[in-house]
Amino acid sequence: MKILFLIPVCLSLILSSCAQKPEPCKSPPLLEGSLTAFIPGHHLHVFEKFSYDAYGQNIRVLAAGKEGNQTFFVDRLLLFREGVSYKIHYHNQTCIKTALKEPFRHIGVPHDAHFLHQMVLGSSSLPGQGLLVNNWNGTVEETKESYLLTFTAFGCVPLYTLDFTQKGELTIMTSFFDLVEGIEDPNVFIPPSFCDSVEVLPSKGVGARSFISLL
C-alpha cells in the first residue's frame, strides 16, 4: 500500500518540476528602450535608443558610437513588410534607401535555446530588492557560433546578451536598460517626406541571426 501511495506522489513531484522549468519566450511586441553594445574585435562602443513593433514588423534605431578615434551617429528605420531600410540624415535632409531582404527577428529567447539556471540580480533578502532572471545558452545552426542570454523570468524582457565565435571569442556584448512596454509616438515608423523620391538600392545581402546582430 505504501508503494502504491508513493507512485502518484513521485509523479506529482516530477510533473511539478517540469512545469516550473522556464520555456523559450518572446518579449513584449511593443517595446522602447536603450542598449549599449561593445564589439571588442573592432574596438567599437555603441549606444542605441530603439523602438520595436512586432505587430507591424518595424524597428527604429538612433545609434551613437565610437570606433577607434572616430565618432558616428546613425538614424535607421527598418520596415520589414515593405522590404525597405532607411538611413536618414536630417541635418542635410538626405536619405539612403536599401532593399531589406532579412526576415523580421523577434526579440526573445530562441526556441532551441537551452535553459541554464535562474538567479536573482540584486538582493533576495527582501521583496523588491532583486530581479528574478533566467539564463540561456545556445548555438546558431548556420554559423555554429554560440550565445548567452539573460532575460527576466516574468515578462521575457532582455537584459544581457553575449555572442561568441566558434572558438569561444567574444564578438559582441549587449546590455539593455530603460525598457518601456508600448510605443510613445507611432509616427516614429513613418519615414520623412524627403525620402519619398529616393531610389531603392539593392540589398547588401549581409545575414543576421538575431535582433541585435541585425542592428
C-alpha atoms as a PDB file:
ATOM      1  CA  MET A   1       0.000   0.000   0.000  1.00  0.00           C
ATOM      2  CA  LYS A   2       2.884   2.362   0.818  1.00  0.00           C
ATOM      3  CA  ILE A   3       4.378   1.764  -2.645  1.00  0.00           C
ATOM      4  CA  LEU A   4       1.045   2.478  -4.336  1.00  0.00           C
ATOM      5  CA  PHE A   5       0.777   5.697  -2.324  1.00  0.00           C
ATOM      6  CA  LEU A   6       4.323   6.819  -3.220  1.00  0.00           C
ATOM      7  CA  ILE A   7       3.874   6.362  -7.000  1.00  0.00           C
ATOM      8  CA  PRO A   8       1.342   9.206  -7.526  1.00  0.00           C
ATOM      9  CA  VAL A   9       3.321  11.413  -5.119  1.00  0.00           C
ATOM     10  CA  CYS A  10       6.516  10.912  -7.144  1.00  0.00           C
ATOM     11  CA  LEU A  11       4.672  11.506 -10.409  1.00  0.00           C
ATOM     12  CA  SER A  12       3.196  14.698  -8.983  1.00  0.00           C
ATOM     13  CA  LEU A  13       6.657  15.963  -7.988  1.00  0.00           C
ATOM     14  CA  ILE A  14       8.081  15.156 -11.417  1.00  0.00           C
ATOM     15  CA  LEU A  15       5.257  16.931 -13.219  1.00  0.00           C
ATOM     16  CA  SER A  16       5.545  19.904 -10.885  1.00  0.00           C
ATOM     17  CA  SER A  17       9.294  20.139 -11.558  1.00  0.00           C
ATOM     18  CA  CYS A  18       8.756  20.010 -15.337  1.00  0.00           C
ATOM     19  CA  ALA A  19       6.017  22.623 -15.148  1.00  0.00           C
ATOM     20  CA  GLN A  20       8.330  25.039 -13.329  1.00  0.00           C
ATOM     21  CA  LYS A  21      11.140  24.819 -15.890  1.00  0.00           C
ATOM     22  CA  PRO A  22      11.203  28.050 -17.945  1.00  0.00           C
ATOM     23  CA  GLU A  23      10.436  27.839 -21.651  1.00  0.00           C
ATOM     24  CA  PRO A  24      11.866  29.999 -24.504  1.00  0.00           C
ATOM     25  CA  CYS A  25       9.797  33.145 -24.910  1.00  0.00           C
ATOM     26  CA  LYS A  26       9.208  36.321 -26.901  1.00  0.00           C
ATOM     27  CA  SER A  27       9.493  39.819 -25.467  1.00  0.00           C
ATOM     28  CA  PRO A  28       6.531  42.245 -25.447  1.00  0.00           C
ATOM     29  CA  PRO A  29       5.537  43.060 -29.044  1.00  0.00           C
ATOM     30  CA  LEU A  30       5.718  46.830 -28.492  1.00  0.00           C
ATOM     31  CA  LEU A  31       8.894  47.911 -26.771  1.00  0.00           C
ATOM     32  CA  GLU A  32      11.054  51.014 -26.472  1.00  0.00           C
ATOM     33  CA  GLY A  33      14.323  51.420 -24.656  1.00  0.00           C
ATOM     34  CA  SER A  34      18.073  51.729 -24.853  1.00  0.00           C
ATOM     35  CA  LEU A  35      21.064  49.451 -25.102  1.00  0.00           C
ATOM     36  CA  THR A  36      24.819  49.610 -25.081  1.00  0.00           C
ATOM     37  CA  ALA A  37      26.900  47.278 -27.211  1.00  0.00           C
ATOM     38  CA  PHE A  38      30.622  46.548 -27.189  1.00  0.00           C
ATOM     39  CA  ILE A  39      32.320  44.833 -30.128  1.00  0.00           C
ATOM     40  CA  PRO A  40      35.887  44.091 -28.972  1.00  0.00           C
ATOM     41  CA  GLY A  41      37.189  42.977 -32.382  1.00  0.00           C
ATOM     42  CA  HIS A  42      36.525  46.462 -33.801  1.00  0.00           C
ATOM     43  CA  HIS A  43      37.131  48.440 -30.586  1.00  0.00           C
ATOM     44  CA  LEU A  44      33.584  49.646 -31.109  1.00  0.00           C
ATOM     45  CA  HIS A  45      31.252  51.055 -28.428  1.00  0.00           C
ATOM     46  CA  VAL A  46      27.649  51.848 -29.391  1.00  0.00           C
ATOM     47  CA  PHE A  47      24.728  53.453 -27.550  1.00  0.00           C
ATOM     48  CA  GLU A  48      21.276  52.946 -29.093  1.00  0.00           C
ATOM     49  CA  LYS A  49      17.713  54.071 -28.468  1.00  0.00           C
ATOM     50  CA  PHE A  50      15.217  51.861 -30.253  1.00  0.00           C
ATOM     51  CA  SER A  51      11.511  51.442 -30.932  1.00  0.00           C
ATOM     52  CA  TYR A  52      10.338  47.900 -31.678  1.00  0.00           C
ATOM     53  CA  ASP A  53       6.966  46.954 -33.191  1.00  0.00           C
ATOM     54  CA  ALA A  54       6.499  43.214 -33.667  1.00  0.00           C
ATOM     55  CA  TYR A  55       2.897  43.679 -34.866  1.00  0.00           C
ATOM     56  CA  GLY A  56       3.805  45.870 -37.819  1.00  0.00           C
ATOM     57  CA  GLN A  57       7.342  44.435 -38.075  1.00  0.00           C
ATOM     58  CA  ASN A  58       9.039  47.828 -37.786  1.00  0.00           C
ATOM     59  CA  ILE A  59      12.194  48.955 -35.963  1.00  0.00           C
ATOM     60  CA  ARG A  60      13.606  52.453 -35.496  1.00  0.00           C
ATOM     61  CA  VAL A  61      17.122  52.927 -34.137  1.00  0.00           C
ATOM     62  CA  LEU A  62      19.090  56.011 -33.136  1.00  0.00           C
ATOM     63  CA  ALA A  63      22.697  54.968 -32.571  1.00  0.00           C
ATOM     64  CA  ALA A  64      25.781  56.872 -31.493  1.00  0.00           C
ATOM     65  CA  GLY A  65      29.179  55.332 -31.018  1.00  0.00           C
ATOM     66  CA  LYS A  66      32.917  55.455 -31.196  1.00  0.00           C
ATOM     67  CA  GLU A  67      35.131  53.211 -33.312  1.00  0.00           C
ATOM     68  CA  GLY A  68      38.771  53.851 -32.539  1.00  0.00           C
ATOM     69  CA  ASN A  69      39.108  57.640 -32.584  1.00  0.00           C
ATOM     70  CA  GLN A  70      36.086  58.170 -34.839  1.00  0.00           C
ATOM     71  CA  THR A  71      32.611  59.013 -33.550  1.00  0.00           C
ATOM     72  CA  PHE A  72      29.417  58.447 -35.537  1.00  0.00           C
ATOM     73  CA  PHE A  73      25.634  58.857 -35.432  1.00  0.00           C
ATOM     74  CA  VAL A  74      23.121  56.701 -37.312  1.00  0.00           C
ATOM     75  CA  ASP A  75      19.339  57.017 -37.706  1.00  0.00           C
ATOM     76  CA  ARG A  76      17.845  53.838 -39.198  1.00  0.00           C
ATOM     77  CA  LEU A  77      14.275  52.828 -39.962  1.00  0.00           C
ATOM     78  CA  LEU A  78      13.611  49.189 -40.880  1.00  0.00           C
ATOM     79  CA  LEU A  79      10.242  48.385 -42.460  1.00  0.00           C
ATOM     80  CA  PHE A  80      10.266  44.628 -42.935  1.00  0.00           C
ATOM     81  CA  ARG A  81       6.852  44.190 -44.534  1.00  0.00           C
ATOM     82  CA  GLU A  82       7.710  46.842 -47.119  1.00  0.00           C
ATOM     83  CA  GLY A  83      11.185  45.363 -47.512  1.00  0.00           C
ATOM     84  CA  VAL A  84      12.965  48.716 -47.176  1.00  0.00           C
ATOM     85  CA  SER A  85      15.682  50.031 -44.876  1.00  0.00           C
ATOM     86  CA  TYR A  86      16.179  53.784 -44.450  1.00  0.00           C
ATOM     87  CA  LYS A  87      19.326  55.565 -43.305  1.00  0.00           C
ATOM     88  CA  ILE A  88      18.128  59.087 -42.519  1.00  0.00           C
ATOM     89  CA  HIS A  89      20.209  62.283 -42.320  1.00  0.00           C
ATOM     90  CA  TYR A  90      18.103  65.159 -41.012  1.00  0.00           C
ATOM     91  CA  HIS A  91      20.936  67.697 -40.979  1.00  0.00           C
ATOM     92  CA  ASN A  92      21.014  67.849 -44.798  1.00  0.00           C
ATOM     93  CA  GLN A  93      17.656  66.124 -45.456  1.00  0.00           C
ATOM     94  CA  THR A  94      19.109  63.190 -47.352  1.00  0.00           C
ATOM     95  CA  CYS A  95      18.105  59.579 -47.224  1.00  0.00           C
ATOM     96  CA  ILE A  96      19.581  56.246 -48.325  1.00  0.00           C
ATOM     97  CA  LYS A  97      17.006  53.544 -49.078  1.00  0.00           C
ATOM     98  CA  THR A  98      18.124  49.929 -49.332  1.00  0.00           C
ATOM     99  CA  ALA A  99      16.156  46.785 -50.114  1.00  0.00           C
ATOM    100  CA  LEU A 100      15.639  44.824 -46.896  1.00  0.00           C
ATOM    101  CA  LYS A 101      15.762  41.082 -47.539  1.00  0.00           C
ATOM    102  CA  GLU A 102      16.214  39.955 -43.946  1.00  0.00           C
ATOM    103  CA  PRO A 103      13.240  38.325 -42.195  1.00  0.00           C
ATOM    104  CA  PHE A 104      11.871  40.128 -39.160  1.00  0.00           C
ATOM    105  CA  ARG A 105      13.587  38.991 -35.970  1.00  0.00           C
ATOM    106  CA  HIS A 106      11.651  38.954 -32.718  1.00  0.00           C
ATOM    107  CA  ILE A 107      13.303  39.990 -29.501  1.00  0.00           C
ATOM    108  CA  GLY A 108      13.263  36.927 -27.310  1.00  0.00           C
ATOM    109  CA  VAL A 109      14.826  33.611 -26.391  1.00  0.00           C
ATOM    110  CA  PRO A 110      15.255  31.328 -29.466  1.00  0.00           C
ATOM    111  CA  HIS A 111      13.062  28.236 -29.474  1.00  0.00           C
ATOM    112  CA  ASP A 112      16.103  25.922 -29.450  1.00  0.00           C
ATOM    113  CA  ALA A 113      17.961  27.712 -26.616  1.00  0.00           C
ATOM    114  CA  HIS A 114      18.910  25.699 -23.521  1.00  0.00           C
ATOM    115  CA  PHE A 115      17.895  26.830 -20.058  1.00  0.00           C
ATOM    116  CA  LEU A 116      20.923  27.151 -17.753  1.00  0.00           C
ATOM    117  CA  HIS A 117      19.750  28.469 -14.397  1.00  0.00           C
ATOM    118  CA  GLN A 118      17.644  31.040 -12.609  1.00  0.00           C
ATOM    119  CA  MET A 119      19.036  33.680 -10.281  1.00  0.00           C
ATOM    120  CA  VAL A 120      18.266  36.977  -8.586  1.00  0.00           C
ATOM    121  CA  LEU A 121      20.031  40.167  -9.663  1.00  0.00           C
ATOM    122  CA  GLY A 122      20.448  42.311  -6.565  1.00  0.00           C
ATOM    123  CA  SER A 123      19.257  41.153  -3.159  1.00  0.00           C
ATOM    124  CA  SER A 124      16.784  38.367  -2.412  1.00  0.00           C
ATOM    125  CA  SER A 125      16.543  39.135   1.296  1.00  0.00           C
ATOM    126  CA  LEU A 126      13.565  41.497   0.979  1.00  0.00           C
ATOM    127  CA  PRO A 127      10.782  41.893  -1.626  1.00  0.00           C
ATOM    128  CA  GLY A 128      11.502  44.476  -4.292  1.00  0.00           C
ATOM    129  CA  GLN A 129      15.283  44.439  -3.825  1.00  0.00           C
ATOM    130  CA  GLY A 130      16.077  41.940  -6.556  1.00  0.00           C
ATOM    131  CA  LEU A 131      15.072  40.840 -10.046  1.00  0.00           C
ATOM    132  CA  LEU A 132      14.460  37.198 -10.942  1.00  0.00           C
ATOM    133  CA  VAL A 133      16.114  36.312 -14.257  1.00  0.00           C
ATOM    134  CA  ASN A 134      16.661  33.267 -16.463  1.00  0.00           C
ATOM    135  CA  ASN A 135      19.939  32.461 -18.198  1.00  0.00           C
ATOM    136  CA  TRP A 136      20.097  30.635 -21.512  1.00  0.00           C
ATOM    137  CA  ASN A 137      22.692  29.443 -23.995  1.00  0.00           C
ATOM    138  CA  GLY A 138      22.642  28.007 -27.480  1.00  0.00           C
ATOM    139  CA  THR A 139      24.357  27.643 -30.826  1.00  0.00           C
ATOM    140  CA  VAL A 140      23.417  29.219 -34.144  1.00  0.00           C
ATOM    141  CA  GLU A 141      22.916  26.310 -36.531  1.00  0.00           C
ATOM    142  CA  GLU A 142      24.065  28.191 -39.655  1.00  0.00           C
ATOM    143  CA  THR A 143      27.320  29.589 -38.237  1.00  0.00           C
ATOM    144  CA  LYS A 144      27.983  27.297 -35.248  1.00  0.00           C
ATOM    145  CA  GLU A 145      28.525  30.433 -33.167  1.00  0.00           C
ATOM    146  CA  SER A 146      27.289  30.391 -29.576  1.00  0.00           C
ATOM    147  CA  TYR A 147      25.458  32.837 -27.320  1.00  0.00           C
ATOM    148  CA  LEU A 148      24.489  33.504 -23.710  1.00  0.00           C
ATOM    149  CA  LEU A 149      21.260  35.335 -22.865  1.00  0.00           C
ATOM    150  CA  THR A 150      19.753  36.818 -19.712  1.00  0.00           C
ATOM    151  CA  PHE A 151      16.023  37.638 -19.726  1.00  0.00           C
ATOM    152  CA  THR A 152      13.632  38.470 -16.913  1.00  0.00           C
ATOM    153  CA  ALA A 153      11.774  35.441 -15.582  1.00  0.00           C
ATOM    154  CA  PHE A 154       8.474  37.349 -15.813  1.00  0.00           C
ATOM    155  CA  GLY A 155       7.707  39.277 -18.988  1.00  0.00           C
ATOM    156  CA  CYS A 156      10.649  37.955 -21.050  1.00  0.00           C
ATOM    157  CA  VAL A 157      12.403  41.333 -21.076  1.00  0.00           C
ATOM    158  CA  PRO A 158      16.021  41.267 -22.375  1.00  0.00           C
ATOM    159  CA  LEU A 159      18.826  42.293 -20.032  1.00  0.00           C
ATOM    160  CA  TYR A 160      22.131  40.987 -21.420  1.00  0.00           C
ATOM    161  CA  THR A 161      23.358  39.111 -24.481  1.00  0.00           C
ATOM    162  CA  LEU A 162      26.807  37.707 -25.269  1.00  0.00           C
ATOM    163  CA  ASP A 163      27.785  36.340 -28.687  1.00  0.00           C
ATOM    164  CA  PHE A 164      30.852  34.166 -29.299  1.00  0.00           C
ATOM    165  CA  THR A 165      32.765  32.761 -32.269  1.00  0.00           C
ATOM    166  CA  GLN A 166      33.198  29.023 -32.792  1.00  0.00           C
ATOM    167  CA  LYS A 167      36.499  29.338 -30.889  1.00  0.00           C
ATOM    168  CA  GLY A 168      34.763  30.946 -27.910  1.00  0.00           C
ATOM    169  CA  GLU A 169      35.963  34.501 -28.576  1.00  0.00           C
ATOM    170  CA  LEU A 170      33.555  37.266 -27.576  1.00  0.00           C
ATOM    171  CA  THR A 171      32.174  39.112 -30.643  1.00  0.00           C
ATOM    172  CA  ILE A 172      29.526  41.376 -29.102  1.00  0.00           C
ATOM    173  CA  MET A 173      28.283  42.183 -25.609  1.00  0.00           C
ATOM    174  CA  THR A 174      24.929  43.943 -25.226  1.00  0.00           C
ATOM    175  CA  SER A 175      23.202  45.424 -22.185  1.00  0.00           C
ATOM    176  CA  PHE A 176      19.579  46.678 -22.202  1.00  0.00           C
ATOM    177  CA  PHE A 177      18.140  49.348 -19.909  1.00  0.00           C
ATOM    178  CA  ASP A 178      15.236  51.836 -19.510  1.00  0.00           C
ATOM    179  CA  LEU A 179      12.851  49.477 -21.320  1.00  0.00           C
ATOM    180  CA  VAL A 180       9.192  50.506 -21.528  1.00  0.00           C
ATOM    181  CA  GLU A 181       6.344  48.460 -22.977  1.00  0.00           C
ATOM    182  CA  GLY A 182       4.451  50.323 -25.723  1.00  0.00           C
ATOM    183  CA  ILE A 183       5.280  52.924 -28.382  1.00  0.00           C
ATOM    184  CA  GLU A 184       5.102  56.551 -27.256  1.00  0.00           C
ATOM    185  CA  ASP A 185       4.919  58.012 -30.791  1.00  0.00           C
ATOM    186  CA  PRO A 186       3.733  55.676 -33.611  1.00  0.00           C
ATOM    187  CA  ASN A 187       4.959  58.254 -36.152  1.00  0.00           C
ATOM    188  CA  VAL A 188       8.477  57.101 -35.374  1.00  0.00           C
ATOM    189  CA  PHE A 189       7.938  54.392 -38.019  1.00  0.00           C
ATOM    190  CA  ILE A 190       6.971  56.859 -40.782  1.00  0.00           C
ATOM    191  CA  PRO A 191       9.919  57.948 -42.976  1.00  0.00           C
ATOM    192  CA  PRO A 192      10.355  61.707 -43.578  1.00  0.00           C
ATOM    193  CA  SER A 193       8.955  63.177 -46.800  1.00  0.00           C
ATOM    194  CA  PHE A 194      12.402  63.834 -48.280  1.00  0.00           C
ATOM    195  CA  CYS A 195      12.863  60.032 -48.500  1.00  0.00           C
ATOM    196  CA  ASP A 196       9.845  59.540 -50.788  1.00  0.00           C
ATOM    197  CA  SER A 197      11.551  60.131 -54.144  1.00  0.00           C
ATOM    198  CA  VAL A 198      14.817  58.352 -53.293  1.00  0.00           C
ATOM    199  CA  GLU A 199      15.650  55.266 -55.353  1.00  0.00           C
ATOM    200  CA  VAL A 200      15.870  51.945 -53.531  1.00  0.00           C
ATOM    201  CA  LEU A 201      19.359  50.449 -53.703  1.00  0.00           C
ATOM    202  CA  PRO A 202      19.981  46.676 -53.888  1.00  0.00           C
ATOM    203  CA  SER A 203      20.431  44.767 -50.677  1.00  0.00           C
ATOM    204  CA  LYS A 204      23.990  44.167 -49.491  1.00  0.00           C
ATOM    205  CA  GLY A 205      22.999  40.629 -48.592  1.00  0.00           C
ATOM    206  CA  VAL A 206      24.546  40.642 -45.117  1.00  0.00           C
ATOM    207  CA  GLY A 207      22.914  37.986 -42.965  1.00  0.00           C
ATOM    208  CA  ALA A 208      21.782  38.476 -39.380  1.00  0.00           C
ATOM    209  CA  ARG A 209      20.684  35.776 -36.948  1.00  0.00           C
ATOM    210  CA  SER A 210      19.076  37.989 -34.324  1.00  0.00           C
ATOM    211  CA  PHE A 211      17.593  41.358 -33.475  1.00  0.00           C
ATOM    212  CA  ILE A 212      20.917  42.504 -32.026  1.00  0.00           C
ATOM    213  CA  SER A 213      23.172  41.417 -34.878  1.00  0.00           C
ATOM    214  CA  LEU A 214      20.731  42.949 -37.371  1.00  0.00           C
ATOM    215  CA  LEU A 215      21.091  46.373 -35.756  1.00  0.00           C
END
